[in-house]
C-alpha atoms as a PDB file:
ATOM      1  CA  UNK A   1       7.724  61.486  -6.319  1.00  0.00           C
ATOM      2  CA  UNK A   2       6.269  58.401  -4.715  1.00  0.00           C
ATOM      3  CA  UNK A   3       6.269  57.650  -0.912  1.00  0.00           C
ATOM      4  CA  UNK A   4       6.897  54.291   0.536  1.00  0.00           C
ATOM      5  CA  UNK A   5       5.426  54.433   3.945  1.00  0.00           C
ATOM      6  CA  UNK A   6       6.507  50.864   5.074  1.00  0.00           C
ATOM      7  CA  UNK A   7       9.704  51.145   6.766  1.00  0.00           C
ATOM      8  CA  UNK A   8      10.125  49.198  10.045  1.00  0.00           C
ATOM      9  CA  UNK A   9      12.935  48.797  12.613  1.00  0.00           C
ATOM     10  CA  UNK A  10      15.619  46.356  11.418  1.00  0.00           C
ATOM     11  CA  UNK A  11      13.496  46.078   8.004  1.00  0.00           C
ATOM     12  CA  UNK A  12      12.265  42.517   7.147  1.00  0.00           C
ATOM     13  CA  UNK A  13      12.858  41.112   4.077  1.00  0.00           C
ATOM     14  CA  UNK A  14       9.120  41.646   2.966  1.00  0.00           C
ATOM     15  CA  UNK A  15       9.369  45.389   3.586  1.00  0.00           C
ATOM     16  CA  UNK A  16      12.279  45.657   1.230  1.00  0.00           C
ATOM     17  CA  UNK A  17      10.543  43.663  -1.374  1.00  0.00           C
ATOM     18  CA  UNK A  18       7.589  46.082  -1.069  1.00  0.00           C
ATOM     19  CA  UNK A  19       9.644  49.050  -1.616  1.00  0.00           C
ATOM     20  CA  UNK A  20      11.395  47.426  -4.461  1.00  0.00           C
ATOM     21  CA  UNK A  21       7.968  46.354  -6.101  1.00  0.00           C
ATOM     22  CA  UNK A  22       6.959  50.297  -5.796  1.00  0.00           C
ATOM     23  CA  UNK A  23      10.040  51.504  -7.174  1.00  0.00           C
ATOM     24  CA  UNK A  24      10.106  49.356 -10.262  1.00  0.00           C
ATOM     25  CA  UNK A  25       6.270  50.692 -11.083  1.00  0.00           C
ATOM     26  CA  UNK A  26       7.331  54.441 -10.379  1.00  0.00           C
ATOM     27  CA  UNK A  27      10.886  53.982 -12.030  1.00  0.00           C
ATOM     28  CA  UNK A  28      12.597  56.737  -9.945  1.00  0.00           C
ATOM     29  CA  UNK A  29      15.788  58.287 -10.894  1.00  0.00           C
ATOM     30  CA  UNK A  30      17.067  58.372  -7.172  1.00  0.00           C
ATOM     31  CA  UNK A  31      15.808  56.811  -3.976  1.00  0.00           C
ATOM     32  CA  UNK A  32      15.727  59.239  -0.778  1.00  0.00           C
ATOM     33  CA  UNK A  33      15.972  57.584   2.538  1.00  0.00           C
ATOM     34  CA  UNK A  34      14.652  59.523   5.478  1.00  0.00           C
ATOM     35  CA  UNK A  35      14.722  58.231   8.823  1.00  0.00           C
ATOM     36  CA  UNK A  36      16.958  56.311  11.180  1.00  0.00           C
ATOM     37  CA  UNK A  37      19.204  53.472  10.331  1.00  0.00           C
ATOM     38  CA  UNK A  38      16.747  51.228   9.605  1.00  0.00           C
ATOM     39  CA  UNK A  39      14.832  53.390   6.876  1.00  0.00           C
ATOM     40  CA  UNK A  40      18.311  54.022   5.572  1.00  0.00           C
ATOM     41  CA  UNK A  41      19.408  50.437   5.235  1.00  0.00           C
ATOM     42  CA  UNK A  42      16.066  49.651   3.903  1.00  0.00           C
ATOM     43  CA  UNK A  43      16.879  52.214   1.297  1.00  0.00           C
ATOM     44  CA  UNK A  44      20.359  50.544   0.429  1.00  0.00           C
ATOM     45  CA  UNK A  45      18.734  47.023   0.121  1.00  0.00           C
ATOM     46  CA  UNK A  46      16.274  48.329  -2.106  1.00  0.00           C
ATOM     47  CA  UNK A  47      18.565  50.396  -4.296  1.00  0.00           C
ATOM     48  CA  UNK A  48      20.617  46.751  -4.425  1.00  0.00           C
ATOM     49  CA  UNK A  49      17.499  44.769  -5.741  1.00  0.00           C
ATOM     50  CA  UNK A  50      16.655  47.599  -8.078  1.00  0.00           C
ATOM     51  CA  UNK A  51      20.042  47.489  -9.992  1.00  0.00           C
ATOM     52  CA  UNK A  52      20.980  43.847  -9.698  1.00  0.00           C
ATOM     53  CA  UNK A  53      17.619  41.796  -8.857  1.00  0.00           C
ATOM     54  CA  UNK A  54      17.414  38.936  -6.621  1.00  0.00           C
ATOM     55  CA  UNK A  55      16.748  38.887  -3.291  1.00  0.00           C
ATOM     56  CA  UNK A  56      18.425  40.203  -0.146  1.00  0.00           C
ATOM     57  CA  UNK A  57      19.688  36.709   0.469  1.00  0.00           C
ATOM     58  CA  UNK A  58      21.780  36.866  -2.502  1.00  0.00           C
ATOM     59  CA  UNK A  59      23.859  39.786  -1.111  1.00  0.00           C
ATOM     60  CA  UNK A  60      24.088  38.888   2.569  1.00  0.00           C
ATOM     61  CA  UNK A  61      27.876  38.784   3.449  1.00  0.00           C
ATOM     62  CA  UNK A  62      30.914  40.847   2.359  1.00  0.00           C
ATOM     63  CA  UNK A  63      31.489  42.211  -1.193  1.00  0.00           C
ATOM     64  CA  UNK A  64      28.675  40.427  -2.877  1.00  0.00           C
ATOM     65  CA  UNK A  65      27.115  43.574  -4.520  1.00  0.00           C
ATOM     66  CA  UNK A  66      28.518  43.427  -7.970  1.00  0.00           C
ATOM     67  CA  UNK A  67      28.333  46.861  -8.887  1.00  0.00           C
ATOM     68  CA  UNK A  68      26.526  50.595  -8.336  1.00  0.00           C
ATOM     69  CA  UNK A  69      23.548  50.268  -7.001  1.00  0.00           C
ATOM     70  CA  UNK A  70      20.142  52.721  -7.750  1.00  0.00           C
ATOM     71  CA  UNK A  71      21.458  56.168  -6.813  1.00  0.00           C
ATOM     72  CA  UNK A  72      20.476  57.237  -3.296  1.00  0.00           C
ATOM     73  CA  UNK A  73      20.244  60.418  -1.065  1.00  0.00           C
ATOM     74  CA  UNK A  74      20.118  59.740   2.740  1.00  0.00           C
ATOM     75  CA  UNK A  75      18.753  62.037   5.259  1.00  0.00           C
ATOM     76  CA  UNK A  76      18.988  60.711   8.925  1.00  0.00           C
ATOM     77  CA  UNK A  77      16.315  61.965  11.246  1.00  0.00           C
ATOM     78  CA  UNK A  78      18.321  60.276  14.493  1.00  0.00           C
ATOM     79  CA  UNK A  79      21.748  61.003  15.519  1.00  0.00           C
ATOM     80  CA  UNK A  80      23.240  57.683  16.067  1.00  0.00           C
ATOM     81  CA  UNK A  81      23.477  54.997  13.454  1.00  0.00           C
ATOM     82  CA  UNK A  82      25.966  56.545  11.060  1.00  0.00           C
ATOM     83  CA  UNK A  83      24.201  54.429   8.473  1.00  0.00           C
ATOM     84  CA  UNK A  84      24.196  57.316   6.221  1.00  0.00           C
ATOM     85  CA  UNK A  85      27.796  57.038   5.625  1.00  0.00           C
ATOM     86  CA  UNK A  86      28.421  52.978   5.990  1.00  0.00           C
ATOM     87  CA  UNK A  87      28.642  50.446   3.146  1.00  0.00           C
ATOM     88  CA  UNK A  88      26.467  48.133   5.182  1.00  0.00           C
ATOM     89  CA  UNK A  89      22.802  47.475   5.006  1.00  0.00           C
ATOM     90  CA  UNK A  90      21.088  45.496   7.915  1.00  0.00           C
ATOM     91  CA  UNK A  91      18.011  43.449   7.634  1.00  0.00           C
ATOM     92  CA  UNK A  92      16.031  40.800   9.303  1.00  0.00           C
ATOM     93  CA  UNK A  93      15.531  37.425   7.366  1.00  0.00           C
ATOM     94  CA  UNK A  94      12.505  34.984   7.745  1.00  0.00           C
ATOM     95  CA  UNK A  95      13.679  33.500  10.977  1.00  0.00           C
ATOM     96  CA  UNK A  96      13.807  37.388  12.489  1.00  0.00           C
ATOM     97  CA  UNK A  97      17.369  36.952  12.619  1.00  0.00           C
ATOM     98  CA  UNK A  98      19.643  40.137  11.862  1.00  0.00           C
ATOM     99  CA  UNK A  99      21.854  39.919   8.830  1.00  0.00           C
ATOM    100  CA  UNK A 100      23.682  42.231   6.504  1.00  0.00           C
ATOM    101  CA  UNK A 101      24.975  42.938   3.338  1.00  0.00           C
ATOM    102  CA  UNK A 102      28.570  45.157   2.940  1.00  0.00           C
ATOM    103  CA  UNK A 103      30.164  46.441   0.119  1.00  0.00           C
ATOM    104  CA  UNK A 104      31.890  49.093  -1.457  1.00  0.00           C
ATOM    105  CA  UNK A 105      28.700  49.826  -3.827  1.00  0.00           C
ATOM    106  CA  UNK A 106      26.413  50.484  -1.088  1.00  0.00           C
ATOM    107  CA  UNK A 107      27.571  53.989  -0.201  1.00  0.00           C
ATOM    108  CA  UNK A 108      24.949  57.064  -0.868  1.00  0.00           C
ATOM    109  CA  UNK A 109      25.321  59.697  -3.664  1.00  0.00           C
ATOM    110  CA  UNK A 110      24.534  62.515  -1.064  1.00  0.00           C
ATOM    111  CA  UNK A 111      24.232  62.834   2.508  1.00  0.00           C
ATOM    112  CA  UNK A 112      21.935  65.639   3.915  1.00  0.00           C
ATOM    113  CA  UNK A 113      22.550  66.599   7.862  1.00  0.00           C
ATOM    114  CA  UNK A 114      19.744  68.776   9.099  1.00  0.00           C
ATOM    115  CA  UNK A 115      19.252  69.271  12.759  1.00  0.00           C
ATOM    116  CA  UNK A 116      15.622  70.336  12.186  1.00  0.00           C
ATOM    117  CA  UNK A 117      14.726  66.692  11.329  1.00  0.00           C
ATOM    118  CA  UNK A 118      15.960  65.080  14.915  1.00  0.00           C
ATOM    119  CA  UNK A 119      14.014  67.965  17.084  1.00  0.00           C
ATOM    120  CA  UNK A 120      10.807  65.877  17.547  1.00  0.00           C
ATOM    121  CA  UNK A 121      12.545  62.666  18.778  1.00  0.00           C
ATOM    122  CA  UNK A 122      11.403  61.475  22.135  1.00  0.00           C
ATOM    123  CA  UNK A 123      14.041  62.049  24.864  1.00  0.00           C
ATOM    124  CA  UNK A 124      14.744  58.464  25.429  1.00  0.00           C
ATOM    125  CA  UNK A 125      15.541  58.070  21.471  1.00  0.00           C
ATOM    126  CA  UNK A 126      17.951  60.856  21.441  1.00  0.00           C
ATOM    127  CA  UNK A 127      19.614  59.423  24.545  1.00  0.00           C
ATOM    128  CA  UNK A 128      20.358  55.879  23.150  1.00  0.00           C
ATOM    129  CA  UNK A 129      20.938  57.193  19.550  1.00  0.00           C
ATOM    130  CA  UNK A 130      23.666  59.451  21.014  1.00  0.00           C
ATOM    131  CA  UNK A 131      25.033  56.592  23.065  1.00  0.00           C
ATOM    132  CA  UNK A 132      25.214  54.463  19.899  1.00  0.00           C
ATOM    133  CA  UNK A 133      27.162  57.080  18.121  1.00  0.00           C
ATOM    134  CA  UNK A 134      29.455  57.341  21.093  1.00  0.00           C
ATOM    135  CA  UNK A 135      29.647  53.323  21.307  1.00  0.00           C
ATOM    136  CA  UNK A 136      30.264  53.214  17.481  1.00  0.00           C
ATOM    137  CA  UNK A 137      33.241  55.863  17.982  1.00  0.00           C
ATOM    138  CA  UNK A 138      34.692  53.762  21.028  1.00  0.00           C
ATOM    139  CA  UNK A 139      34.780  50.454  19.662  1.00  0.00           C
ATOM    140  CA  UNK A 140      36.353  51.540  16.131  1.00  0.00           C
ATOM    141  CA  UNK A 141      39.050  53.550  17.978  1.00  0.00           C
ATOM    142  CA  UNK A 142      39.962  50.460  19.919  1.00  0.00           C
ATOM    143  CA  UNK A 143      39.679  47.864  16.998  1.00  0.00           C
ATOM    144  CA  UNK A 144      42.781  46.535  15.723  1.00  0.00           C
ATOM    145  CA  UNK A 145      42.302  47.743  12.242  1.00  0.00           C
ATOM    146  CA  UNK A 146      41.911  51.377  13.643  1.00  0.00           C
ATOM    147  CA  UNK A 147      44.716  53.581  11.686  1.00  0.00           C
ATOM    148  CA  UNK A 148      45.277  57.131  12.349  1.00  0.00           C
ATOM    149  CA  UNK A 149      43.042  58.357   9.626  1.00  0.00           C
ATOM    150  CA  UNK A 150      40.075  56.714  10.928  1.00  0.00           C
ATOM    151  CA  UNK A 151      41.014  57.299  14.604  1.00  0.00           C
ATOM    152  CA  UNK A 152      41.021  61.144  13.907  1.00  0.00           C
ATOM    153  CA  UNK A 153      37.015  60.552  12.842  1.00  0.00           C
ATOM    154  CA  UNK A 154      36.511  58.567  16.017  1.00  0.00           C
ATOM    155  CA  UNK A 155      37.863  61.169  18.335  1.00  0.00           C
ATOM    156  CA  UNK A 156      36.028  64.217  16.977  1.00  0.00           C
ATOM    157  CA  UNK A 157      32.918  62.139  17.135  1.00  0.00           C
ATOM    158  CA  UNK A 158      33.650  61.556  20.854  1.00  0.00           C
ATOM    159  CA  UNK A 159      34.530  65.046  21.329  1.00  0.00           C
ATOM    160  CA  UNK A 160      31.460  66.323  19.783  1.00  0.00           C
ATOM    161  CA  UNK A 161      28.918  63.904  21.349  1.00  0.00           C
ATOM    162  CA  UNK A 162      30.849  64.423  24.619  1.00  0.00           C
ATOM    163  CA  UNK A 163      30.026  68.445  24.283  1.00  0.00           C
ATOM    164  CA  UNK A 164      26.477  68.282  22.520  1.00  0.00           C
ATOM    165  CA  UNK A 165      24.779  65.340  23.730  1.00  0.00           C
ATOM    166  CA  UNK A 166      24.304  66.452  27.198  1.00  0.00           C
ATOM    167  CA  UNK A 167      22.913  69.983  25.784  1.00  0.00           C
ATOM    168  CA  UNK A 168      20.288  67.936  23.321  1.00  0.00           C
ATOM    169  CA  UNK A 169      19.161  66.192  26.494  1.00  0.00           C
ATOM    170  CA  UNK A 170      18.665  69.232  28.649  1.00  0.00           C
ATOM    171  CA  UNK A 171      17.704  71.640  25.725  1.00  0.00           C
ATOM    172  CA  UNK A 172      15.878  69.563  23.102  1.00  0.00           C
ATOM    173  CA  UNK A 173      15.442  72.672  20.847  1.00  0.00           C
ATOM    174  CA  UNK A 174      19.023  73.648  20.649  1.00  0.00           C
ATOM    175  CA  UNK A 175      19.785  73.597  17.175  1.00  0.00           C
ATOM    176  CA  UNK A 176      23.617  73.666  17.263  1.00  0.00           C
ATOM    177  CA  UNK A 177      23.592  70.649  19.422  1.00  0.00           C
ATOM    178  CA  UNK A 178      21.113  68.918  17.430  1.00  0.00           C
ATOM    179  CA  UNK A 179      23.492  69.575  14.293  1.00  0.00           C
ATOM    180  CA  UNK A 180      26.762  68.893  16.262  1.00  0.00           C
ATOM    181  CA  UNK A 181      25.242  65.329  17.104  1.00  0.00           C
ATOM    182  CA  UNK A 182      24.481  64.635  13.513  1.00  0.00           C
ATOM    183  CA  UNK A 183      28.118  65.328  12.584  1.00  0.00           C
ATOM    184  CA  UNK A 184      29.516  63.141  15.684  1.00  0.00           C
ATOM    185  CA  UNK A 185      27.107  60.459  14.461  1.00  0.00           C
ATOM    186  CA  UNK A 186      28.302  60.671  10.826  1.00  0.00           C
ATOM    187  CA  UNK A 187      31.985  60.750  12.001  1.00  0.00           C
ATOM    188  CA  UNK A 188      31.363  57.663  14.081  1.00  0.00           C
ATOM    189  CA  UNK A 189      29.947  56.125  11.371  1.00  0.00           C
ATOM    190  CA  UNK A 190      32.947  56.610   9.136  1.00  0.00           C
ATOM    191  CA  UNK A 191      34.820  55.069  12.089  1.00  0.00           C
ATOM    192  CA  UNK A 192      33.049  51.810  11.973  1.00  0.00           C
ATOM    193  CA  UNK A 193      32.881  51.596   8.352  1.00  0.00           C
ATOM    194  CA  UNK A 194      36.524  51.792   8.220  1.00  0.00           C
ATOM    195  CA  UNK A 195      37.414  49.683  11.276  1.00  0.00           C
ATOM    196  CA  UNK A 196      34.171  47.751  12.273  1.00  0.00           C
ATOM    197  CA  UNK A 197      32.792  47.584  15.556  1.00  0.00           C
ATOM    198  CA  UNK A 198      33.699  45.678  18.767  1.00  0.00           C
ATOM    199  CA  UNK A 199      31.892  42.923  20.931  1.00  0.00           C
ATOM    200  CA  UNK A 200      29.174  45.579  22.325  1.00  0.00           C
ATOM    201  CA  UNK A 201      27.653  45.394  18.859  1.00  0.00           C
END
C-alpha cells in the first residue's frame, strides 16, 4: 500500500491533484478513504480523475461522471457526514468556494463502520458531527422529495442519534454508542442522498 497524508477539510483542488498524482505512480487496485467526510470526498474525487482524467471542474455538477470510477472502500472516522454512502464529492475551487460533483457512479464498493475509529475524537467534534447527522435526517425527512422508503432511514437515524449521542458525549469510551452513531450517520447519509438537504445546508 501507499499512504497519501494530504487530506484537508473541504479538500482544495490541489489536494485532489496530489492524491491522483501519487495514485497514478503507485497504480492501486482500490482506494481506501479513511477519515471524516472531507477525506472520503477527496477519495471519491481522486477515484473519478483516475478513471476518467481531466480535472474536478469537468465533473462539477450533476451526473457528469460518465462511468464507473476507481474502486473505493470508505471508512468514516467521524459519525456525522454520511459521505460514505452519498454519491457526492465536495471540494473547494481556486477561489475557496465549495462545489461538488454528484452522480450515480460515485458510490463506494464497500463501507466499513467501526466505532473504534471514532473514540479519539475531541468532544466538540463528536458533538458537532452528531448534530450534522441529526440535521441531515431532519432536512431529508422534510424534503418534498422524501418518500416512504427514504423516510424510514431518516426516522431510524433520528431515533439512533437521539439515543446514542447523549451517551457518547457523556461516556466517550462507550463502544455501543459509538457504533450506534456511525449507523445513525450512515442512515442519515442515505436520507440526504435520496432526498437532498434543506436550507440549513
